[in-house]
Amino acid sequence: KLIFGERTMQCSVLESAQNRVRLRLVGLNHELEWWQTPHTECPPLGEFYERDYDPAELVTHEVWIAKLFEPVRTNFFNSQCPPPMQFMMPLVVPENAEIVVLIGLHQYLGGTFKLVHIHRHLKYIEIFEVVSHGRQWWYSLHFSTKSQFSLKDLQPSMEPICQPLPKWFQDGAGFPYPQGVKRTISNDLEVDDLDSVIIKRDSSDERNLSGGTEIFIPFRLLLGALPQSLLDSYLFWKDEALSPTSLLDGENMVDKLEGANGYQRLRGYPKNDVKGFEDTMLIVEFQRIGALEGISLPKEGSIDAHSESSVVDITSLPGRTVRVSRIPIDYAREDIIRRRKFCALLESLQLISPQKRKRESNNKRNSGTNANMKGEKDESKFEVGNSVQYDADGTSKKWVTAEILKSYPGNNLYDIDATEALGRVTRVPEMFLRKHESSRRRNRDDGYNVWKYDGLSDSEDEAWADVDDKDDDEKNVEKGSLHEKKHPIPFEQFD
């Protein structure tokens, strides 16, 4: 209802598998991916979090962690039902760290289940739980010991209590296990629902201002990452961007490429029923700063991340950051129109096109003998189940349809099934196989009945093939750009 409202829609099934069904909404420029089975895997635990949290083993500059976290752990995560939770902490905590992140392991599935953010000077704790949406992991805020500092609108409980709350939780809100501890990952921490539906919007939709396919991101996946007021006023869609499009002040290309791993960009479109935000649009960028694999630990309590730009200021460790920008939505509409016009011009002029494959001579494509003798590697590779054509008599004149049954190490020999002609044939060299093609296209590519006839020598074949290639190129030039295939510009270049 949030996206399509109250309407009757028709859909067609594009693909049906064990866990997912792909649907196309007729006439609406949208596609759905319905994940029907629950997700039973937690995010893996990184090598940098191989240290068990134990208050007795903390060094001097880490004692403040236990003072803030122990009351929470002993009261909410140390019971018998559900079982006690094991927490992991970074191998080294920098002395100047303002925030330390602990990881709570799932009691049944293992892996990351909780993220515990411990704030040093504000003296409060936030807890995020992993949720699964379309087999992708997100972290949603659900607990805080000081709700007034949280980005989520957490309200302290107003129910009657038998005794006063401890001082550290008087302003606290939320529950330690919103959906309990199950052998599956929840999709929503407020509703007991394990199914998830991914909504994709085509670039042709008039509401899409990114120029590529967009994926709708429900607000529950962003709780704690963005202020609740923004989540209530905008609808967020993720575009196809895989890396930032520009450099920031003081940023170099190396830092940009390092941050491209895990980079995500969301666009916040104003909701129709919210007043005061209809003229603006948000750009939200999730970007990694530095890499835990690239740091060194020269001595206890210190860390070397190669440069100040390789760590997050508040943790003094590599991590992920969120950048939110606001732009006029009219500017975004004008910009997408300019980009589309410019790209249409480039496509019509063929100024940007994919790299063309070099055409091989017929002698190299069919026989393959001379190429193997010279040590050249044939590009054609086949996998089990592929439909191919087999040179039955070794003369390249009698090709029969076959199916790959087995591939030997190195992909140089294959077992095939040519049922209609020869039955099962074992250890067939790759030089006697080719991709399955229609006879019309094969004759055109090979030159039969055009310039090649039986009895021509190899040198004559190559000479006539070169002449034929030149003739084709001249014909393409004479036809002009109107008859040439336009290559659409990919999103990476459009962006």
Protein backbone atom coordinates (compact mmCIF):
# COMPACT_ATOMS: atom_id res chain seq x y z
CA LYS A 1 0.00 0.00 0.00
CA LEU A 2 2.87 2.37 0.74
CA ILE A 3 4.16 2.10 -2.85
CA PHE A 4 1.12 1.20 -4.98
CA GLY A 5 -1.80 2.31 -2.83
CA GLU A 6 -5.25 0.74 -2.98
CA ARG A 7 -5.51 -0.81 -6.43
CA THR A 8 -5.97 -4.10 -8.24
CA MET A 9 -2.79 -5.30 -9.95
CA GLN A 10 -1.94 -8.07 -12.38
CA CYS A 11 1.36 -9.89 -12.36
CA SER A 12 3.15 -12.57 -14.33
CA VAL A 13 5.60 -15.12 -12.94
CA LEU A 14 9.07 -14.67 -14.41
CA GLU A 15 10.89 -17.28 -12.36
CA SER A 16 10.03 -19.74 -9.64
CA ALA A 17 12.64 -21.43 -7.44
CA GLN A 18 12.76 -23.15 -4.07
CA ASN A 19 13.30 -19.97 -2.06
CA ARG A 20 12.29 -17.14 -4.39
CA VAL A 21 9.58 -16.22 -6.88
CA ARG A 22 10.11 -13.36 -9.35
CA LEU A 23 6.99 -11.48 -10.43
CA ARG A 24 6.43 -8.72 -12.98
CA LEU A 25 3.68 -6.19 -12.32
CA VAL A 26 1.91 -5.64 -15.62
CA GLY A 27 2.04 -2.03 -16.81
CA LEU A 28 3.55 -0.63 -13.61
CA ASN A 29 7.30 -0.74 -14.41
CA HIS A 30 7.99 -2.73 -11.25
CA GLU A 31 9.32 -6.20 -10.46
CA LEU A 32 8.97 -8.18 -7.24
CA GLU A 33 11.17 -10.82 -5.63
CA TRP A 34 9.21 -12.81 -3.07
CA TRP A 35 11.43 -14.77 -0.69
CA GLN A 36 9.15 -17.41 0.81
CA THR A 37 11.57 -19.31 3.03
CA PRO A 38 13.24 -17.95 6.18
CA HIS A 39 16.91 -17.00 6.31
CA THR A 40 18.87 -19.34 8.59
CA GLU A 41 22.37 -17.84 8.39
CA CYS A 42 23.89 -14.98 10.38
CA PRO A 43 26.62 -12.66 9.07
CA PRO A 44 30.08 -14.21 9.49
CA LEU A 45 32.37 -13.03 12.24
CA GLY A 46 35.44 -11.14 11.02
CA GLU A 47 38.96 -12.05 12.05
CA PHE A 48 39.34 -8.75 13.91
CA TYR A 49 36.62 -9.89 16.37
CA GLU A 50 38.24 -13.08 17.66
CA ARG A 51 38.64 -11.82 21.24
CA ASP A 52 36.11 -12.99 23.82
CA TYR A 53 34.63 -10.29 26.00
CA ASP A 54 35.65 -10.98 29.60
CA PRO A 55 35.57 -8.17 32.19
CA ALA A 56 38.44 -9.79 34.10
CA GLU A 57 40.78 -9.66 31.10
CA LEU A 58 40.32 -6.04 30.09
CA VAL A 59 43.41 -3.84 30.15
CA THR A 60 43.58 -0.57 32.05
CA HIS A 61 42.26 1.75 29.33
CA GLU A 62 39.36 -0.69 28.60
CA VAL A 63 37.89 -0.86 32.12
CA TRP A 64 35.23 1.74 31.24
CA ILE A 65 33.67 -0.81 28.84
CA ALA A 66 32.80 -3.21 31.65
CA LYS A 67 31.45 -0.41 33.87
CA LEU A 68 28.87 0.52 31.23
CA PHE A 69 28.11 -2.88 29.71
CA GLU A 70 28.10 -5.29 32.66
CA PRO A 71 24.75 -4.07 34.12
CA VAL A 72 23.12 -4.56 30.71
CA ARG A 73 24.70 -7.94 30.07
CA THR A 74 23.95 -9.45 33.47
CA ASN A 75 20.33 -8.26 33.51
CA PHE A 76 19.29 -8.98 29.91
CA PHE A 77 21.73 -11.42 28.27
CA ASN A 78 22.81 -13.80 31.03
CA SER A 79 19.61 -15.75 31.74
CA GLN A 80 18.89 -19.41 31.10
CA CYS A 81 15.97 -18.81 28.74
CA PRO A 82 17.08 -17.75 26.25
CA PRO A 83 20.59 -19.12 26.80
CA PRO A 84 23.37 -16.68 27.76
CA MET A 85 24.85 -14.75 24.85
CA GLN A 86 28.56 -14.77 24.07
CA PHE A 87 30.06 -11.40 23.16
CA MET A 88 33.17 -10.70 21.10
CA MET A 89 35.24 -7.52 21.07
CA PRO A 90 37.98 -6.03 18.86
CA LEU A 91 41.47 -7.45 19.27
CA VAL A 92 42.65 -4.00 20.31
CA VAL A 93 40.67 -1.01 21.55
CA PRO A 94 42.45 2.32 20.93
CA GLU A 95 42.92 4.46 24.02
CA ASN A 96 41.17 7.46 22.45
CA ALA A 97 38.12 5.52 21.22
CA GLU A 98 34.80 7.24 22.00
CA ILE A 99 32.69 4.25 20.95
CA VAL A 100 33.44 0.52 21.11
CA VAL A 101 31.36 -2.00 19.19
CA LEU A 102 30.87 -5.49 20.63
CA ILE A 103 29.32 -8.38 18.70
CA GLY A 104 26.82 -10.76 20.26
CA LEU A 105 26.74 -14.27 18.78
CA HIS A 106 23.50 -16.07 17.98
CA GLN A 107 22.82 -18.78 20.56
CA TYR A 108 21.73 -21.37 17.95
CA LEU A 109 22.98 -20.24 14.54
CA GLY A 110 26.32 -18.72 15.51
CA GLY A 111 27.60 -15.65 13.70
CA THR A 112 26.74 -12.01 14.32
CA PHE A 113 23.34 -11.49 15.96
CA LYS A 114 23.70 -8.26 17.98
CA LEU A 115 25.81 -5.12 17.59
CA VAL A 116 26.40 -3.36 20.92
CA HIS A 117 27.49 0.29 20.65
CA ILE A 118 29.03 1.47 23.93
CA HIS A 119 29.34 5.28 24.17
CA ARG A 120 32.13 6.31 26.48
CA HIS A 121 31.43 9.92 27.49
CA LEU A 122 27.67 9.92 26.98
CA LYS A 123 27.59 6.78 29.13
CA TYR A 124 24.90 4.84 27.32
CA ILE A 125 24.47 1.73 25.20
CA GLU A 126 22.60 1.03 21.95
CA ILE A 127 21.90 -2.46 20.65
CA PHE A 128 21.16 -3.40 17.03
CA GLU A 129 19.85 -6.78 15.85
CA VAL A 130 20.48 -8.32 12.45
CA VAL A 131 17.43 -8.63 10.17
CA SER A 132 17.18 -10.29 6.78
CA HIS A 133 15.51 -8.73 3.76
CA GLY A 134 15.77 -10.64 0.49
CA ARG A 135 18.74 -12.63 1.82
CA GLN A 136 20.60 -9.41 2.62
CA TRP A 137 21.59 -8.49 6.18
CA TRP A 138 20.74 -5.19 7.81
CA TYR A 139 21.02 -3.99 11.43
CA SER A 140 18.03 -2.40 13.14
CA LEU A 141 18.13 -0.46 16.43
CA HIS A 142 15.82 -1.84 19.14
CA PHE A 143 17.33 -1.02 22.56
CA SER A 144 18.92 1.98 24.26
CA THR A 145 19.76 2.84 27.86
CA LYS A 146 19.23 6.56 27.10
CA SER A 147 16.47 6.92 24.56
CA GLN A 148 16.92 10.69 24.27
CA PHE A 149 20.19 10.12 22.39
CA SER A 150 18.88 7.52 19.93
CA LEU A 151 18.06 8.22 16.30
CA LYS A 152 15.04 5.92 16.62
CA ASP A 153 11.93 7.17 18.37
CA LEU A 154 12.20 4.84 21.38
CA GLN A 155 9.76 5.57 24.19
CA PRO A 156 10.35 4.41 27.77
CA SER A 157 7.71 2.03 29.07
CA MET A 158 4.75 3.63 30.90
CA GLU A 159 3.51 0.38 32.45
CA PRO A 160 3.39 0.06 36.26
CA ILE A 161 6.55 -1.32 37.86
CA CYS A 162 7.05 -3.15 41.14
CA GLN A 163 10.28 -1.38 42.06
CA PRO A 164 12.24 1.64 40.87
CA LEU A 165 14.37 1.22 37.80
CA PRO A 166 18.16 1.30 38.21
CA LYS A 167 19.80 4.63 37.49
CA TRP A 168 21.45 3.38 34.29
CA PHE A 169 18.03 2.43 32.79
CA GLN A 170 15.73 5.20 34.03
CA ASP A 171 15.65 6.72 30.53
CA GLY A 172 16.04 3.40 28.76
CA ALA A 173 13.65 1.91 26.20
CA GLY A 174 13.29 -1.15 24.04
CA PHE A 175 13.55 -4.90 24.55
CA PRO A 176 16.66 -7.12 24.48
CA TYR A 177 14.96 -9.73 22.25
CA PRO A 178 12.08 -8.12 20.29
CA GLN A 179 11.21 -11.40 18.51
CA GLY A 180 12.90 -13.82 20.87
CA VAL A 181 15.70 -16.17 19.86
CA LYS A 182 14.76 -18.47 16.99
CA ARG A 183 16.62 -20.66 14.54
CA THR A 184 15.86 -18.14 11.80
CA ILE A 185 16.60 -14.47 11.17
CA SER A 186 13.63 -12.11 11.47
CA ASN A 187 12.57 -9.76 8.70
CA ASP A 188 10.82 -7.31 11.02
CA LEU A 189 11.50 -6.78 14.72
CA GLU A 190 7.99 -5.48 15.38
CA VAL A 191 5.98 -8.07 13.40
CA ASP A 192 6.52 -11.83 13.49
CA ASP A 193 7.10 -12.27 9.75
CA LEU A 194 9.83 -14.30 8.06
CA ASP A 195 8.87 -13.67 4.41
CA SER A 196 10.34 -10.71 2.58
CA VAL A 197 9.53 -8.99 -0.70
CA ILE A 198 12.02 -6.91 -2.69
CA ILE A 199 10.46 -4.21 -4.88
CA LYS A 200 12.44 -3.08 -7.93
CA ARG A 201 11.56 -0.02 -9.98
CA ASP A 202 12.58 0.32 -13.63
CA SER A 203 14.60 3.26 -14.86
CA SER A 204 11.73 4.10 -17.23
CA ASP A 205 9.40 4.92 -14.32
CA GLU A 206 8.82 8.69 -14.15
CA ARG A 207 9.41 8.72 -10.39
CA ASN A 208 12.87 7.18 -10.78
CA LEU A 209 15.51 9.93 -10.77
CA SER A 210 18.61 7.72 -10.59
CA GLY A 211 18.77 6.55 -14.21
CA GLY A 212 19.02 2.86 -13.28
CA THR A 213 17.04 0.17 -11.52
CA GLU A 214 16.09 1.10 -7.96
CA ILE A 215 15.33 -1.18 -5.00
CA PHE A 216 12.94 -0.07 -2.27
CA ILE A 217 14.45 -0.07 1.25
CA PRO A 218 11.82 -0.28 4.01
CA PHE A 219 12.30 2.19 6.87
CA ARG A 220 12.65 -0.60 9.45
CA LEU A 221 16.02 -1.54 7.90
CA LEU A 222 17.37 1.98 8.52
CA LEU A 223 16.32 2.42 12.15
CA GLY A 224 19.30 3.74 14.05
CA ALA A 225 21.22 4.70 10.91
CA LEU A 226 19.07 7.74 10.06
CA PRO A 227 16.93 10.01 12.23
CA GLN A 228 13.37 8.77 12.60
CA SER A 229 12.01 12.10 11.35
CA LEU A 230 13.66 11.48 7.96
CA LEU A 231 12.37 7.91 7.83
CA ASP A 232 8.85 9.19 8.46
CA SER A 233 9.09 11.83 5.71
CA TYR A 234 10.90 10.07 2.84
CA LEU A 235 10.77 6.79 0.93
CA PHE A 236 14.24 5.37 0.33
CA TRP A 237 15.33 3.58 -2.84
CA LYS A 238 18.79 2.11 -3.45
CA ASP A 239 20.29 2.75 -6.89
CA GLU A 240 22.91 0.74 -8.80
CA ALA A 241 25.96 2.78 -7.69
CA LEU A 242 28.91 0.66 -6.55
CA SER A 243 31.38 3.47 -5.79
CA PRO A 244 31.31 7.21 -5.08
CA THR A 245 31.15 9.45 -8.14
CA SER A 246 33.43 12.21 -6.86
CA LEU A 247 36.30 12.87 -4.48
CA LEU A 248 35.90 14.80 -1.25
CA ASP A 249 38.30 17.45 0.03
CA GLY A 250 41.52 15.75 1.09
CA GLU A 251 40.45 12.37 -0.30
CA ASN A 252 42.64 10.49 -2.77
CA MET A 253 41.75 7.86 -5.32
CA VAL A 254 43.16 5.02 -3.18
CA ASP A 255 40.82 5.87 -0.29
CA LYS A 256 37.92 6.10 -2.72
CA LEU A 257 38.56 2.66 -4.18
CA GLU A 258 38.97 1.17 -0.70
CA GLY A 259 35.63 2.62 0.30
CA ALA A 260 33.95 1.25 -2.80
CA ASN A 261 33.77 -2.19 -1.19
CA GLY A 262 30.32 -2.25 0.40
CA TYR A 263 29.38 1.19 -0.91
CA GLN A 264 25.63 1.83 -1.15
CA ARG A 265 23.72 4.92 -2.21
CA LEU A 266 20.10 5.54 -1.33
CA ARG A 267 17.79 8.26 -2.60
CA GLY A 268 15.11 9.60 -0.32
CA TYR A 269 11.98 10.70 -2.21
CA PRO A 270 9.47 12.82 -0.26
CA LYS A 271 6.21 11.13 0.72
CA ASN A 272 3.08 12.50 -0.88
CA ASP A 273 1.18 12.86 2.40
CA VAL A 274 3.93 14.71 4.33
CA LYS A 275 4.04 18.49 4.17
CA GLY A 276 7.21 20.55 4.27
CA PHE A 277 9.52 18.07 2.51
CA GLU A 278 8.05 17.97 -1.01
CA ASP A 279 10.73 20.28 -2.45
CA THR A 280 13.80 18.34 -1.32
CA MET A 281 15.41 14.98 -1.95
CA LEU A 282 17.98 13.09 0.15
CA ILE A 283 21.15 11.34 -0.97
CA VAL A 284 22.32 8.77 1.62
CA GLU A 285 25.71 7.13 1.15
CA PHE A 286 26.97 4.15 3.14
CA GLN A 287 30.73 3.97 2.75
CA ARG A 288 33.51 1.97 4.35
CA ILE A 289 36.47 3.85 5.80
CA GLY A 290 39.72 1.89 5.73
CA ALA A 291 39.97 -1.88 6.14
CA LEU A 292 40.47 -4.03 9.23
CA GLU A 293 42.66 -6.38 7.16
CA GLY A 294 45.12 -3.57 6.44
CA ILE A 295 45.86 -2.44 9.98
CA SER A 296 48.78 -3.52 12.13
CA LEU A 297 49.00 -3.87 15.89
CA PRO A 298 52.48 -2.71 16.89
CA LYS A 299 51.83 -2.64 20.62
CA GLU A 300 49.10 -2.99 23.18
CA GLY A 301 46.49 -0.24 23.09
CA SER A 302 47.64 1.35 19.86
CA ILE A 303 46.83 0.82 16.25
CA ASP A 304 48.40 1.73 12.93
CA ALA A 305 45.94 2.27 10.10
CA HIS A 306 48.47 3.88 7.73
CA SER A 307 46.68 7.25 7.68
CA GLU A 308 44.19 9.30 9.65
CA SER A 309 41.71 9.06 6.77
CA SER A 310 41.67 5.23 7.11
CA VAL A 311 39.83 5.21 10.45
CA VAL A 312 36.55 6.55 11.80
CA ASP A 313 37.22 9.42 14.22
CA ILE A 314 34.84 8.30 16.93
CA THR A 315 36.14 4.71 17.15
CA SER A 316 39.74 5.22 15.91
CA LEU A 317 39.19 2.01 13.91
CA PRO A 318 38.22 1.30 10.31
CA GLY A 319 34.48 1.05 9.87
CA ARG A 320 31.45 2.30 7.96
CA THR A 321 30.01 5.79 7.87
CA VAL A 322 26.77 7.35 6.67
CA ARG A 323 26.69 10.64 4.77
CA VAL A 324 23.35 12.41 4.20
CA SER A 325 22.97 15.22 1.64
CA ARG A 326 19.89 17.22 0.74
CA ILE A 327 19.28 18.64 -2.74
CA PRO A 328 16.31 20.37 -4.41
CA ILE A 329 14.16 17.76 -6.12
CA ASP A 330 13.60 20.05 -9.11
CA TYR A 331 17.36 20.08 -9.66
CA ALA A 332 17.38 16.25 -9.59
CA ARG A 333 14.61 16.14 -12.21
CA GLU A 334 16.41 18.59 -14.47
CA ASP A 335 19.69 16.71 -14.03
CA ILE A 336 18.22 13.33 -15.03
CA ILE A 337 16.68 14.90 -18.15
CA ARG A 338 20.06 16.38 -19.16
CA ARG A 339 21.83 13.09 -18.57
CA ARG A 340 19.32 11.12 -20.63
CA LYS A 341 19.56 13.53 -23.54
CA PHE A 342 23.35 13.48 -23.45
CA CYS A 343 23.49 9.68 -23.25
CA ALA A 344 21.01 9.37 -26.14
CA LEU A 345 23.34 11.54 -28.22
CA LEU A 346 26.37 9.43 -27.29
CA GLU A 347 24.51 6.23 -28.15
CA SER A 348 23.36 7.56 -31.52
CA LEU A 349 26.92 8.67 -32.39
CA GLN A 350 28.39 5.37 -31.14
CA LEU A 351 30.99 7.28 -29.12
CA ILE A 352 30.76 4.79 -26.25
CA SER A 353 30.42 1.14 -27.20
CA PRO A 354 31.55 -2.20 -25.78
CA GLN A 355 34.80 -3.66 -26.94
CA LYS A 356 34.33 -5.62 -30.12
CA ARG A 357 35.55 -9.20 -30.30
CA LYS A 358 38.14 -9.97 -32.90
CA ARG A 359 36.93 -12.28 -35.61
CA GLU A 360 38.93 -15.46 -35.97
CA SER A 361 39.83 -17.11 -39.22
CA ASN A 362 37.84 -20.21 -40.10
CA ASN A 363 40.98 -22.33 -39.82
CA LYS A 364 41.52 -21.42 -36.12
CA ARG A 365 37.84 -21.64 -35.19
CA ASN A 366 37.10 -25.09 -36.58
CA SER A 367 40.26 -27.16 -36.56
CA GLY A 368 42.04 -25.79 -33.50
CA THR A 369 45.05 -27.98 -34.27
CA ASN A 370 47.53 -25.28 -35.21
CA ALA A 371 46.48 -23.13 -32.26
CA ASN A 372 47.10 -25.95 -29.79
CA MET A 373 50.52 -26.65 -31.32
CA LYS A 374 51.49 -23.01 -30.86
CA GLY A 375 50.30 -22.99 -27.27
CA GLU A 376 47.36 -20.66 -27.92
CA LYS A 377 44.39 -20.96 -25.60
CA ASP A 378 40.92 -21.37 -27.06
CA GLU A 379 38.38 -19.04 -25.49
CA SER A 380 35.47 -21.48 -25.69
CA LYS A 381 34.86 -23.29 -22.42
CA PHE A 382 31.97 -25.63 -21.69
CA GLU A 383 30.22 -26.58 -18.50
CA VAL A 384 28.25 -29.67 -17.53
CA GLY A 385 24.79 -29.49 -19.09
CA ASN A 386 25.78 -27.25 -22.00
CA SER A 387 24.42 -28.12 -25.43
CA VAL A 388 27.30 -28.33 -27.92
CA GLN A 389 28.13 -29.69 -31.37
CA TYR A 390 30.62 -32.52 -31.81
CA ASP A 391 32.88 -33.09 -34.81
CA ALA A 392 31.89 -36.71 -35.35
CA ASP A 393 34.44 -37.65 -38.04
CA GLY A 394 37.19 -35.14 -37.30
CA THR A 395 36.86 -33.39 -40.67
CA SER A 396 34.70 -30.46 -39.49
CA LYS A 397 32.03 -31.54 -41.98
CA LYS A 398 29.77 -33.71 -39.83
CA TRP A 399 28.67 -31.97 -36.62
CA VAL A 400 26.14 -33.65 -34.31
CA THR A 401 24.30 -32.23 -31.31
CA ALA A 402 25.55 -33.41 -27.92
CA GLU A 403 25.38 -32.57 -24.22
CA ILE A 404 28.30 -32.16 -21.82
CA LEU A 405 28.13 -34.87 -19.13
CA LYS A 406 31.49 -34.46 -17.41
CA SER A 407 34.37 -31.99 -17.43
CA TYR A 408 37.85 -33.23 -16.55
CA PRO A 409 40.35 -31.10 -14.60
CA GLY A 410 41.71 -28.34 -16.78
CA ASN A 411 38.57 -28.33 -18.96
CA ASN A 412 40.51 -29.90 -21.80
CA LEU A 413 38.61 -33.20 -21.99
CA TYR A 414 34.88 -33.86 -21.79
CA ASP A 415 32.43 -36.74 -21.68
CA ILE A 416 29.48 -36.06 -23.98
CA ASP A 417 26.17 -37.66 -24.83
CA ALA A 418 25.39 -37.67 -28.55
CA THR A 419 22.34 -39.90 -28.15
CA GLU A 420 20.85 -39.39 -31.59
CA ALA A 421 24.07 -40.29 -33.39
CA LEU A 422 26.83 -41.92 -31.38
CA GLY A 423 25.63 -42.29 -27.81
CA ARG A 424 28.06 -41.54 -24.97
CA VAL A 425 31.58 -40.51 -25.98
CA THR A 426 34.29 -40.17 -23.33
CA ARG A 427 37.38 -37.95 -23.08
CA VAL A 428 36.64 -35.80 -26.10
CA PRO A 429 39.26 -33.05 -26.64
CA GLU A 430 37.92 -29.52 -26.60
CA MET A 431 39.13 -28.91 -30.17
CA PHE A 432 36.35 -31.25 -31.45
CA LEU A 433 33.56 -29.28 -29.72
CA ARG A 434 31.91 -25.97 -30.48
CA LYS A 435 28.97 -23.99 -29.18
CA HIS A 436 25.58 -24.94 -30.48
CA GLU A 437 24.50 -22.53 -33.24
CA SER A 438 21.81 -22.47 -35.87
CA SER A 439 22.81 -23.80 -39.28
CA ARG A 440 22.05 -20.46 -40.93
CA ARG A 441 24.34 -18.50 -38.65
CA ARG A 442 27.01 -21.22 -38.77
CA ASN A 443 27.06 -21.21 -42.56
CA ARG A 444 27.30 -17.42 -42.57
CA ASP A 445 30.15 -17.36 -40.05
CA ASP A 446 32.03 -20.24 -41.67
CA GLY A 447 31.50 -18.96 -45.18
CA TYR A 448 29.92 -22.08 -46.72
CA ASN A 449 28.21 -21.37 -50.03
CA VAL A 450 29.50 -17.76 -49.85
CA TRP A 451 33.22 -17.89 -50.47
CA LYS A 452 34.22 -21.30 -49.11
CA TYR A 453 33.72 -24.57 -50.90
CA ASP A 454 35.18 -28.03 -50.49
CA GLY A 455 38.70 -28.35 -51.91
CA LEU A 456 40.08 -24.96 -50.82
CA SER A 457 43.43 -24.99 -49.05
CA ASP A 458 43.98 -23.40 -45.62
CA SER A 459 45.81 -20.39 -47.11
CA GLU A 460 42.96 -19.82 -49.58
CA ASP A 461 40.44 -20.04 -46.72
CA GLU A 462 42.25 -17.31 -44.78
CA ALA A 463 42.67 -15.08 -47.84
CA TRP A 464 38.99 -15.26 -48.75
CA ALA A 465 37.99 -14.76 -45.09
CA ASP A 466 39.96 -11.50 -44.92
CA VAL A 467 38.31 -10.26 -48.11
CA ASP A 468 34.89 -11.13 -46.70
CA ASP A 469 35.60 -9.22 -43.45
CA LYS A 470 36.62 -6.12 -45.41
CA ASP A 471 33.47 -6.32 -47.53
CA ASP A 472 31.33 -6.53 -44.38
CA ASP A 473 33.05 -3.48 -42.89
CA GLU A 474 32.51 -1.46 -46.11
CA LYS A 475 28.83 -2.42 -46.17
CA ASN A 476 28.39 -1.32 -42.56
CA VAL A 477 29.93 2.07 -43.38
CA GLU A 478 27.65 2.49 -46.40
CA LYS A 479 24.55 1.67 -44.37
CA GLY A 480 25.32 4.45 -41.89
CA SER A 481 24.57 4.82 -38.24
CA LEU A 482 20.81 4.37 -38.71
CA HIS A 483 21.29 0.67 -39.36
CA GLU A 484 23.93 0.13 -36.69
CA LYS A 485 22.99 -1.39 -33.36
CA LYS A 486 22.95 1.17 -30.56
CA HIS A 487 24.76 0.04 -27.44
CA PRO A 488 23.03 1.33 -24.30
CA ILE A 489 25.29 3.15 -21.86
CA PRO A 490 25.68 1.22 -18.58
CA PHE A 491 24.77 2.83 -15.29
CA GLU A 492 28.42 3.22 -14.24
CA GLN A 493 28.97 5.61 -17.17
CA PHE A 494 25.52 7.22 -16.92
CA ASP A 495 26.13 8.07 -13.27
